[in-house]
């Protein structure tokens, strides 16, 4: 374990990373738990600035030994695992410009407010080979502790943009020949609409209200997950997103036999 050579910052400095203001001021965010930290260690080891831990585990990073009570004071979880990473915050997340290379499949989240849903959708997007996620300003911040935890560290696996100008970025993508596909409760139910689609922007809306009329009007296609309406009125947005992202992985449309 590489012991940190500098004096320990006050616990209040780490606690401030639970707020967007504190994260922006420090240029860092917290990642809690062994598994999430290991994911970032494998994907972007250079992003980890230091570790706070209650154990003597060997890591190739500056480490600071804390007591369990100190770790609990910093962590958002009720039963922390005893290890927290301070990770460099990608400040371009809050910018108004698309990255030079956007990738083929993108996720657009409109006003999804639950941090668990946002984190889960980011994790799912990374698993299904989506390159980036656009979030409106009313979405939960992807670097809040709950979002980071739900993403299992996937917040650094793809590019993110959370901005008040999100609609402008989506319009720019449409000008670049990306197809905006809106998920709705009353659209077409042919899953082939998503099969192996290149230049896709998949739009998911607020947990209660769904997508806004503006997004629905701008979308080239609307897609509804076929389901038994007698069994359930609708699916959780994270579940709906996972199904749609899985369908986008299909390379060939289903053909009728014969």
C-alpha atoms as a PDB file:
ATOM      1  CA  UNK A   1       0.000   0.000   0.000  1.00  0.00           C
ATOM      2  CA  UNK A   2       1.430   3.364  -1.060  1.00  0.00           C
ATOM      3  CA  UNK A   3       1.027   5.654   1.928  1.00  0.00           C
ATOM      4  CA  UNK A   4       0.058   9.208   1.048  1.00  0.00           C
ATOM      5  CA  UNK A   5       2.946  11.598   1.801  1.00  0.00           C
ATOM      6  CA  UNK A   6       0.780  14.637   2.484  1.00  0.00           C
ATOM      7  CA  UNK A   7      -1.302  15.490   5.552  1.00  0.00           C
ATOM      8  CA  UNK A   8      -4.831  14.142   5.563  1.00  0.00           C
ATOM      9  CA  UNK A   9      -7.410  16.579   4.275  1.00  0.00           C
ATOM     10  CA  UNK A  10     -10.207  17.337   6.737  1.00  0.00           C
ATOM     11  CA  UNK A  11     -13.165  14.985   6.471  1.00  0.00           C
ATOM     12  CA  UNK A  12     -15.306  17.967   5.481  1.00  0.00           C
ATOM     13  CA  UNK A  13     -13.392  18.159   2.166  1.00  0.00           C
ATOM     14  CA  UNK A  14     -14.478  14.638   1.234  1.00  0.00           C
ATOM     15  CA  UNK A  15     -18.039  15.190   2.447  1.00  0.00           C
ATOM     16  CA  UNK A  16     -18.380  18.147   0.064  1.00  0.00           C
ATOM     17  CA  UNK A  17     -17.889  15.764  -2.854  1.00  0.00           C
ATOM     18  CA  UNK A  18     -21.464  14.610  -2.240  1.00  0.00           C
ATOM     19  CA  UNK A  19     -22.630  17.921  -3.778  1.00  0.00           C
ATOM     20  CA  UNK A  20     -22.231  19.101  -7.371  1.00  0.00           C
ATOM     21  CA  UNK A  21     -20.695  22.366  -6.159  1.00  0.00           C
ATOM     22  CA  UNK A  22     -18.130  20.476  -4.109  1.00  0.00           C
ATOM     23  CA  UNK A  23     -17.302  18.104  -6.970  1.00  0.00           C
ATOM     24  CA  UNK A  24     -16.809  20.944  -9.442  1.00  0.00           C
ATOM     25  CA  UNK A  25     -14.629  22.885  -6.989  1.00  0.00           C
ATOM     26  CA  UNK A  26     -12.431  19.857  -6.290  1.00  0.00           C
ATOM     27  CA  UNK A  27     -12.549  18.391  -9.799  1.00  0.00           C
ATOM     28  CA  UNK A  28     -13.221  15.017  -8.207  1.00  0.00           C
ATOM     29  CA  UNK A  29     -15.966  12.628  -7.108  1.00  0.00           C
ATOM     30  CA  UNK A  30     -16.196   9.631  -4.774  1.00  0.00           C
ATOM     31  CA  UNK A  31     -16.533   5.977  -5.721  1.00  0.00           C
ATOM     32  CA  UNK A  32     -17.570   3.645  -2.916  1.00  0.00           C
ATOM     33  CA  UNK A  33     -16.997  -0.091  -2.730  1.00  0.00           C
ATOM     34  CA  UNK A  34     -14.435  -2.635  -3.875  1.00  0.00           C
ATOM     35  CA  UNK A  35     -16.192  -3.749  -7.064  1.00  0.00           C
ATOM     36  CA  UNK A  36     -16.833  -0.277  -8.485  1.00  0.00           C
ATOM     37  CA  UNK A  37     -13.266   0.798  -7.695  1.00  0.00           C
ATOM     38  CA  UNK A  38     -11.893  -2.315  -9.395  1.00  0.00           C
ATOM     39  CA  UNK A  39     -13.928  -1.481 -12.511  1.00  0.00           C
ATOM     40  CA  UNK A  40     -12.392   1.993 -12.702  1.00  0.00           C
ATOM     41  CA  UNK A  41      -8.957   0.561 -11.883  1.00  0.00           C
ATOM     42  CA  UNK A  42      -9.219  -1.671 -14.969  1.00  0.00           C
ATOM     43  CA  UNK A  43     -10.800   0.921 -17.279  1.00  0.00           C
ATOM     44  CA  UNK A  44      -9.155   4.211 -16.313  1.00  0.00           C
ATOM     45  CA  UNK A  45      -6.527   3.713 -13.595  1.00  0.00           C
ATOM     46  CA  UNK A  46      -5.097   7.179 -14.244  1.00  0.00           C
ATOM     47  CA  UNK A  47      -8.383   8.737 -13.044  1.00  0.00           C
ATOM     48  CA  UNK A  48      -7.956   7.466  -9.462  1.00  0.00           C
ATOM     49  CA  UNK A  49      -6.286  10.138  -7.335  1.00  0.00           C
ATOM     50  CA  UNK A  50      -6.241   8.454  -3.934  1.00  0.00           C
ATOM     51  CA  UNK A  51      -7.888   5.756  -1.844  1.00  0.00           C
ATOM     52  CA  UNK A  52      -9.395   5.997   1.612  1.00  0.00           C
ATOM     53  CA  UNK A  53      -9.461   2.605   3.280  1.00  0.00           C
ATOM     54  CA  UNK A  54      -9.764   0.819   6.601  1.00  0.00           C
ATOM     55  CA  UNK A  55      -7.523  -2.075   5.487  1.00  0.00           C
ATOM     56  CA  UNK A  56      -3.937  -2.669   4.373  1.00  0.00           C
ATOM     57  CA  UNK A  57      -4.799  -3.958   0.886  1.00  0.00           C
ATOM     58  CA  UNK A  58      -2.144  -3.309  -1.736  1.00  0.00           C
ATOM     59  CA  UNK A  59      -3.125  -0.744  -4.380  1.00  0.00           C
ATOM     60  CA  UNK A  60      -0.874   1.202  -6.773  1.00  0.00           C
ATOM     61  CA  UNK A  61      -2.323   4.510  -5.591  1.00  0.00           C
ATOM     62  CA  UNK A  62      -1.743   6.902  -2.705  1.00  0.00           C
ATOM     63  CA  UNK A  63      -3.742   5.473   0.215  1.00  0.00           C
ATOM     64  CA  UNK A  64      -4.951   7.029   3.438  1.00  0.00           C
ATOM     65  CA  UNK A  65      -5.902   4.858   6.359  1.00  0.00           C
ATOM     66  CA  UNK A  66      -9.146   5.872   8.079  1.00  0.00           C
ATOM     67  CA  UNK A  67     -11.168   4.423  10.916  1.00  0.00           C
ATOM     68  CA  UNK A  68     -14.535   2.832  10.198  1.00  0.00           C
ATOM     69  CA  UNK A  69     -16.326   5.766  11.798  1.00  0.00           C
ATOM     70  CA  UNK A  70     -14.451   8.180   9.514  1.00  0.00           C
ATOM     71  CA  UNK A  71     -15.360   6.122   6.442  1.00  0.00           C
ATOM     72  CA  UNK A  72     -19.012   6.075   7.525  1.00  0.00           C
ATOM     73  CA  UNK A  73     -18.944   9.860   7.845  1.00  0.00           C
ATOM     74  CA  UNK A  74     -17.795  10.181   4.230  1.00  0.00           C
ATOM     75  CA  UNK A  75     -19.878   7.455   2.562  1.00  0.00           C
ATOM     76  CA  UNK A  76     -23.499   7.737   1.479  1.00  0.00           C
ATOM     77  CA  UNK A  77     -24.242   4.035   2.021  1.00  0.00           C
ATOM     78  CA  UNK A  78     -25.513   2.851   5.398  1.00  0.00           C
ATOM     79  CA  UNK A  79     -23.058  -0.051   5.546  1.00  0.00           C
ATOM     80  CA  UNK A  80     -19.895   1.057   3.673  1.00  0.00           C
ATOM     81  CA  UNK A  81     -17.398  -1.590   2.595  1.00  0.00           C
ATOM     82  CA  UNK A  82     -14.429   0.244   4.054  1.00  0.00           C
ATOM     83  CA  UNK A  83     -12.890   1.598   0.858  1.00  0.00           C
ATOM     84  CA  UNK A  84     -13.525   4.821  -1.090  1.00  0.00           C
ATOM     85  CA  UNK A  85     -11.727   6.214  -4.132  1.00  0.00           C
ATOM     86  CA  UNK A  86     -11.291   9.881  -4.964  1.00  0.00           C
ATOM     87  CA  UNK A  87     -11.577   9.979  -8.757  1.00  0.00           C
ATOM     88  CA  UNK A  88     -10.921  12.774 -11.229  1.00  0.00           C
ATOM     89  CA  UNK A  89     -14.173  14.341 -12.451  1.00  0.00           C
ATOM     90  CA  UNK A  90     -14.536  14.598 -16.253  1.00  0.00           C
ATOM     91  CA  UNK A  91     -15.551  18.271 -16.332  1.00  0.00           C
ATOM     92  CA  UNK A  92     -16.553  18.058 -20.000  1.00  0.00           C
ATOM     93  CA  UNK A  93     -19.649  16.233 -18.745  1.00  0.00           C
ATOM     94  CA  UNK A  94     -21.183  19.638 -18.023  1.00  0.00           C
ATOM     95  CA  UNK A  95     -20.130  21.200 -21.331  1.00  0.00           C
ATOM     96  CA  UNK A  96     -22.305  22.154 -24.291  1.00  0.00           C
ATOM     97  CA  UNK A  97     -20.318  20.458 -27.040  1.00  0.00           C
ATOM     98  CA  UNK A  98     -20.380  16.922 -28.373  1.00  0.00           C
ATOM     99  CA  UNK A  99     -17.122  14.950 -28.304  1.00  0.00           C
ATOM    100  CA  UNK A 100     -15.098  14.734 -31.549  1.00  0.00           C
ATOM    101  CA  UNK A 101     -16.163  11.107 -31.986  1.00  0.00           C
ATOM    102  CA  UNK A 102     -19.687  10.366 -30.748  1.00  0.00           C
ATOM    103  CA  UNK A 103     -19.963   6.677 -31.604  1.00  0.00           C
ATOM    104  CA  UNK A 104     -22.806   4.788 -33.262  1.00  0.00           C
ATOM    105  CA  UNK A 105     -25.333   4.313 -30.447  1.00  0.00           C
ATOM    106  CA  UNK A 106     -26.280   6.968 -27.905  1.00  0.00           C
ATOM    107  CA  UNK A 107     -28.751   7.235 -25.041  1.00  0.00           C
ATOM    108  CA  UNK A 108     -30.805  10.375 -24.394  1.00  0.00           C
ATOM    109  CA  UNK A 109     -32.357  10.709 -20.919  1.00  0.00           C
ATOM    110  CA  UNK A 110     -34.983  13.401 -20.417  1.00  0.00           C
ATOM    111  CA  UNK A 111     -35.674  14.493 -16.826  1.00  0.00           C
ATOM    112  CA  UNK A 112     -35.021  11.082 -15.216  1.00  0.00           C
ATOM    113  CA  UNK A 113     -34.706  12.133 -11.605  1.00  0.00           C
ATOM    114  CA  UNK A 114     -34.027   8.966  -9.642  1.00  0.00           C
ATOM    115  CA  UNK A 115     -30.248   8.510  -9.173  1.00  0.00           C
ATOM    116  CA  UNK A 116     -30.633   4.738  -9.127  1.00  0.00           C
ATOM    117  CA  UNK A 117     -32.376   4.751 -12.502  1.00  0.00           C
ATOM    118  CA  UNK A 118     -29.790   7.064 -14.065  1.00  0.00           C
ATOM    119  CA  UNK A 119     -26.880   4.998 -12.751  1.00  0.00           C
ATOM    120  CA  UNK A 120     -28.466   1.713 -13.845  1.00  0.00           C
ATOM    121  CA  UNK A 121     -29.150   3.070 -17.342  1.00  0.00           C
ATOM    122  CA  UNK A 122     -25.544   4.242 -17.684  1.00  0.00           C
ATOM    123  CA  UNK A 123     -24.312   0.818 -16.579  1.00  0.00           C
ATOM    124  CA  UNK A 124     -26.649  -0.903 -19.056  1.00  0.00           C
ATOM    125  CA  UNK A 125     -25.624   1.447 -21.870  1.00  0.00           C
ATOM    126  CA  UNK A 126     -21.974   0.561 -21.315  1.00  0.00           C
ATOM    127  CA  UNK A 127     -22.817  -3.158 -21.306  1.00  0.00           C
ATOM    128  CA  UNK A 128     -24.711  -2.923 -24.619  1.00  0.00           C
ATOM    129  CA  UNK A 129     -21.983  -0.987 -26.444  1.00  0.00           C
ATOM    130  CA  UNK A 130     -23.516   2.481 -26.334  1.00  0.00           C
ATOM    131  CA  UNK A 131     -20.862   5.162 -26.642  1.00  0.00           C
ATOM    132  CA  UNK A 132     -22.429   8.094 -24.813  1.00  0.00           C
ATOM    133  CA  UNK A 133     -25.333   9.369 -22.740  1.00  0.00           C
ATOM    134  CA  UNK A 134     -26.985  12.782 -23.019  1.00  0.00           C
ATOM    135  CA  UNK A 135     -28.874  13.982 -19.937  1.00  0.00           C
ATOM    136  CA  UNK A 136     -31.110  16.995 -19.503  1.00  0.00           C
ATOM    137  CA  UNK A 137     -30.339  19.299 -16.598  1.00  0.00           C
ATOM    138  CA  UNK A 138     -33.320  17.932 -14.639  1.00  0.00           C
ATOM    139  CA  UNK A 139     -31.835  14.438 -14.672  1.00  0.00           C
ATOM    140  CA  UNK A 140     -30.034  13.239 -11.565  1.00  0.00           C
ATOM    141  CA  UNK A 141     -26.366  14.195 -11.727  1.00  0.00           C
ATOM    142  CA  UNK A 142     -24.455  11.079 -12.875  1.00  0.00           C
ATOM    143  CA  UNK A 143     -21.674  11.718 -10.352  1.00  0.00           C
ATOM    144  CA  UNK A 144     -23.824  11.772  -7.234  1.00  0.00           C
ATOM    145  CA  UNK A 145     -22.821   8.910  -4.918  1.00  0.00           C
ATOM    146  CA  UNK A 146     -26.058   6.965  -5.579  1.00  0.00           C
ATOM    147  CA  UNK A 147     -25.666   7.254  -9.364  1.00  0.00           C
ATOM    148  CA  UNK A 148     -22.045   6.183  -9.243  1.00  0.00           C
ATOM    149  CA  UNK A 149     -22.924   3.229  -7.032  1.00  0.00           C
ATOM    150  CA  UNK A 150     -25.813   2.131  -9.300  1.00  0.00           C
ATOM    151  CA  UNK A 151     -23.540   2.402 -12.342  1.00  0.00           C
ATOM    152  CA  UNK A 152     -20.931   0.117 -10.722  1.00  0.00           C
ATOM    153  CA  UNK A 153     -18.231   2.507 -11.910  1.00  0.00           C
ATOM    154  CA  UNK A 154     -19.501   2.640 -15.513  1.00  0.00           C
ATOM    155  CA  UNK A 155     -19.755   6.457 -15.388  1.00  0.00           C
ATOM    156  CA  UNK A 156     -16.218   6.546 -16.813  1.00  0.00           C
ATOM    157  CA  UNK A 157     -16.847   3.877 -19.467  1.00  0.00           C
ATOM    158  CA  UNK A 158     -18.601   6.187 -21.934  1.00  0.00           C
ATOM    159  CA  UNK A 159     -18.922   9.914 -22.526  1.00  0.00           C
ATOM    160  CA  UNK A 160     -21.631  11.877 -20.707  1.00  0.00           C
ATOM    161  CA  UNK A 161     -23.193  15.288 -21.290  1.00  0.00           C
ATOM    162  CA  UNK A 162     -25.555  16.802 -18.723  1.00  0.00           C
ATOM    163  CA  UNK A 163     -26.546  20.283 -19.824  1.00  0.00           C
ATOM    164  CA  UNK A 164     -29.408  22.737 -20.217  1.00  0.00           C
ATOM    165  CA  UNK A 165     -28.594  22.684 -23.955  1.00  0.00           C
ATOM    166  CA  UNK A 166     -29.218  18.954 -24.322  1.00  0.00           C
ATOM    167  CA  UNK A 167     -31.939  19.438 -26.963  1.00  0.00           C
ATOM    168  CA  UNK A 168     -29.502  21.442 -29.093  1.00  0.00           C
ATOM    169  CA  UNK A 169     -27.027  18.554 -28.963  1.00  0.00           C
ATOM    170  CA  UNK A 170     -29.738  16.078 -29.986  1.00  0.00           C
ATOM    171  CA  UNK A 171     -30.701  18.341 -32.907  1.00  0.00           C
ATOM    172  CA  UNK A 172     -27.059  18.497 -33.940  1.00  0.00           C
ATOM    173  CA  UNK A 173     -26.906  14.701 -33.901  1.00  0.00           C
ATOM    174  CA  UNK A 174     -30.002  14.525 -36.099  1.00  0.00           C
ATOM    175  CA  UNK A 175     -28.297  16.859 -38.554  1.00  0.00           C
ATOM    176  CA  UNK A 176     -25.462  14.322 -38.597  1.00  0.00           C
ATOM    177  CA  UNK A 177     -27.985  11.664 -39.716  1.00  0.00           C
ATOM    178  CA  UNK A 178     -28.568  10.062 -36.316  1.00  0.00           C
ATOM    179  CA  UNK A 179     -32.089   8.667 -35.912  1.00  0.00           C
ATOM    180  CA  UNK A 180     -33.919   9.771 -32.762  1.00  0.00           C
ATOM    181  CA  UNK A 181     -36.121   6.882 -31.584  1.00  0.00           C
ATOM    182  CA  UNK A 182     -38.554   7.752 -28.783  1.00  0.00           C
ATOM    183  CA  UNK A 183     -39.853   5.134 -26.360  1.00  0.00           C
ATOM    184  CA  UNK A 184     -43.569   5.584 -25.682  1.00  0.00           C
ATOM    185  CA  UNK A 185     -46.624   3.728 -24.409  1.00  0.00           C
ATOM    186  CA  UNK A 186     -48.315   4.017 -27.816  1.00  0.00           C
ATOM    187  CA  UNK A 187     -45.890   3.666 -30.703  1.00  0.00           C
ATOM    188  CA  UNK A 188     -44.949   0.914 -33.120  1.00  0.00           C
ATOM    189  CA  UNK A 189     -44.172  -2.431 -31.494  1.00  0.00           C
ATOM    190  CA  UNK A 190     -41.956  -3.961 -34.178  1.00  0.00           C
ATOM    191  CA  UNK A 191     -38.629  -4.647 -32.436  1.00  0.00           C
ATOM    192  CA  UNK A 192     -36.914  -4.608 -35.838  1.00  0.00           C
ATOM    193  CA  UNK A 193     -37.026  -0.807 -35.534  1.00  0.00           C
ATOM    194  CA  UNK A 194     -34.058  -1.128 -33.167  1.00  0.00           C
ATOM    195  CA  UNK A 195     -32.173  -4.116 -34.592  1.00  0.00           C
ATOM    196  CA  UNK A 196     -28.535  -3.352 -35.238  1.00  0.00           C
ATOM    197  CA  UNK A 197     -29.316   0.278 -35.916  1.00  0.00           C
ATOM    198  CA  UNK A 198     -26.369   2.520 -36.721  1.00  0.00           C
ATOM    199  CA  UNK A 199     -26.407   6.187 -35.676  1.00  0.00           C
ATOM    200  CA  UNK A 200     -29.110   5.667 -33.081  1.00  0.00           C
ATOM    201  CA  UNK A 201     -30.203   8.080 -30.345  1.00  0.00           C
ATOM    202  CA  UNK A 202     -32.539   6.169 -28.024  1.00  0.00           C
ATOM    203  CA  UNK A 203     -34.716   8.523 -25.952  1.00  0.00           C
ATOM    204  CA  UNK A 204     -36.140   7.609 -22.530  1.00  0.00           C
ATOM    205  CA  UNK A 205     -38.349   9.948 -20.521  1.00  0.00           C
ATOM    206  CA  UNK A 206     -39.213  10.937 -16.974  1.00  0.00           C
ATOM    207  CA  UNK A 207     -40.408   8.202 -14.613  1.00  0.00           C
ATOM    208  CA  UNK A 208     -43.940   9.637 -14.390  1.00  0.00           C
ATOM    209  CA  UNK A 209     -44.467  11.925 -17.369  1.00  0.00           C
ATOM    210  CA  UNK A 210     -42.446  10.113 -20.018  1.00  0.00           C
ATOM    211  CA  UNK A 211     -40.964  12.056 -22.917  1.00  0.00           C
ATOM    212  CA  UNK A 212     -42.014  15.648 -23.566  1.00  0.00           C
ATOM    213  CA  UNK A 213     -44.156  16.583 -26.604  1.00  0.00           C
ATOM    214  CA  UNK A 214     -41.122  18.365 -28.068  1.00  0.00           C
ATOM    215  CA  UNK A 215     -39.027  15.184 -28.081  1.00  0.00           C
ATOM    216  CA  UNK A 216     -41.908  13.064 -29.374  1.00  0.00           C
ATOM    217  CA  UNK A 217     -42.432  15.495 -32.227  1.00  0.00           C
ATOM    218  CA  UNK A 218     -38.730  15.617 -33.099  1.00  0.00           C
ATOM    219  CA  UNK A 219     -38.309  11.824 -33.087  1.00  0.00           C
ATOM    220  CA  UNK A 220     -38.169  10.033 -36.430  1.00  0.00           C
ATOM    221  CA  UNK A 221     -39.719   6.925 -34.895  1.00  0.00           C
ATOM    222  CA  UNK A 222     -41.674   5.922 -31.802  1.00  0.00           C
ATOM    223  CA  UNK A 223     -41.229   2.504 -30.224  1.00  0.00           C
ATOM    224  CA  UNK A 224     -43.380   0.677 -27.685  1.00  0.00           C
ATOM    225  CA  UNK A 225     -42.324  -2.502 -25.903  1.00  0.00           C
ATOM    226  CA  UNK A 226     -45.063  -5.073 -26.614  1.00  0.00           C
ATOM    227  CA  UNK A 227     -46.498  -6.371 -23.347  1.00  0.00           C
ATOM    228  CA  UNK A 228     -49.678  -7.619 -21.707  1.00  0.00           C
ATOM    229  CA  UNK A 229     -51.417  -4.459 -20.491  1.00  0.00           C
ATOM    230  CA  UNK A 230     -53.641  -6.558 -18.225  1.00  0.00           C
ATOM    231  CA  UNK A 231     -50.598  -7.616 -16.234  1.00  0.00           C
ATOM    232  CA  UNK A 232     -48.973  -4.208 -15.781  1.00  0.00           C
ATOM    233  CA  UNK A 233     -49.590  -0.686 -16.976  1.00  0.00           C
ATOM    234  CA  UNK A 234     -45.928   0.056 -17.696  1.00  0.00           C
ATOM    235  CA  UNK A 235     -42.338  -0.908 -16.944  1.00  0.00           C
ATOM    236  CA  UNK A 236     -39.768   0.900 -14.835  1.00  0.00           C
ATOM    237  CA  UNK A 237     -37.700   3.218 -17.048  1.00  0.00           C
ATOM    238  CA  UNK A 238     -34.472   1.348 -16.271  1.00  0.00           C
ATOM    239  CA  UNK A 239     -36.116  -1.943 -17.290  1.00  0.00           C
ATOM    240  CA  UNK A 240     -37.563  -0.422 -20.466  1.00  0.00           C
ATOM    241  CA  UNK A 241     -34.190   1.018 -21.348  1.00  0.00           C
ATOM    242  CA  UNK A 242     -32.456  -2.315 -20.825  1.00  0.00           C
ATOM    243  CA  UNK A 243     -34.902  -4.090 -23.163  1.00  0.00           C
ATOM    244  CA  UNK A 244     -34.525  -1.461 -25.883  1.00  0.00           C
ATOM    245  CA  UNK A 245     -30.742  -1.426 -25.616  1.00  0.00           C
ATOM    246  CA  UNK A 246     -30.667  -5.215 -25.848  1.00  0.00           C
ATOM    247  CA  UNK A 247     -32.808  -5.080 -29.000  1.00  0.00           C
ATOM    248  CA  UNK A 248     -30.375  -2.593 -30.525  1.00  0.00           C
ATOM    249  CA  UNK A 249     -27.691  -5.287 -30.289  1.00  0.00           C
ATOM    250  CA  UNK A 250     -29.560  -7.552 -32.718  1.00  0.00           C
ATOM    251  CA  UNK A 251     -27.856  -7.666 -36.105  1.00  0.00           C
ATOM    252  CA  UNK A 252     -30.628  -9.259 -38.147  1.00  0.00           C
ATOM    253  CA  UNK A 253     -34.382  -8.738 -38.194  1.00  0.00           C
ATOM    254  CA  UNK A 254     -36.569 -11.694 -37.268  1.00  0.00           C
ATOM    255  CA  UNK A 255     -37.986 -13.304 -40.388  1.00  0.00           C
ATOM    256  CA  UNK A 256     -41.238 -15.136 -40.811  1.00  0.00           C
ATOM    257  CA  UNK A 257     -40.676 -18.907 -41.256  1.00  0.00           C
ATOM    258  CA  UNK A 258     -40.950 -20.143 -44.847  1.00  0.00           C
END
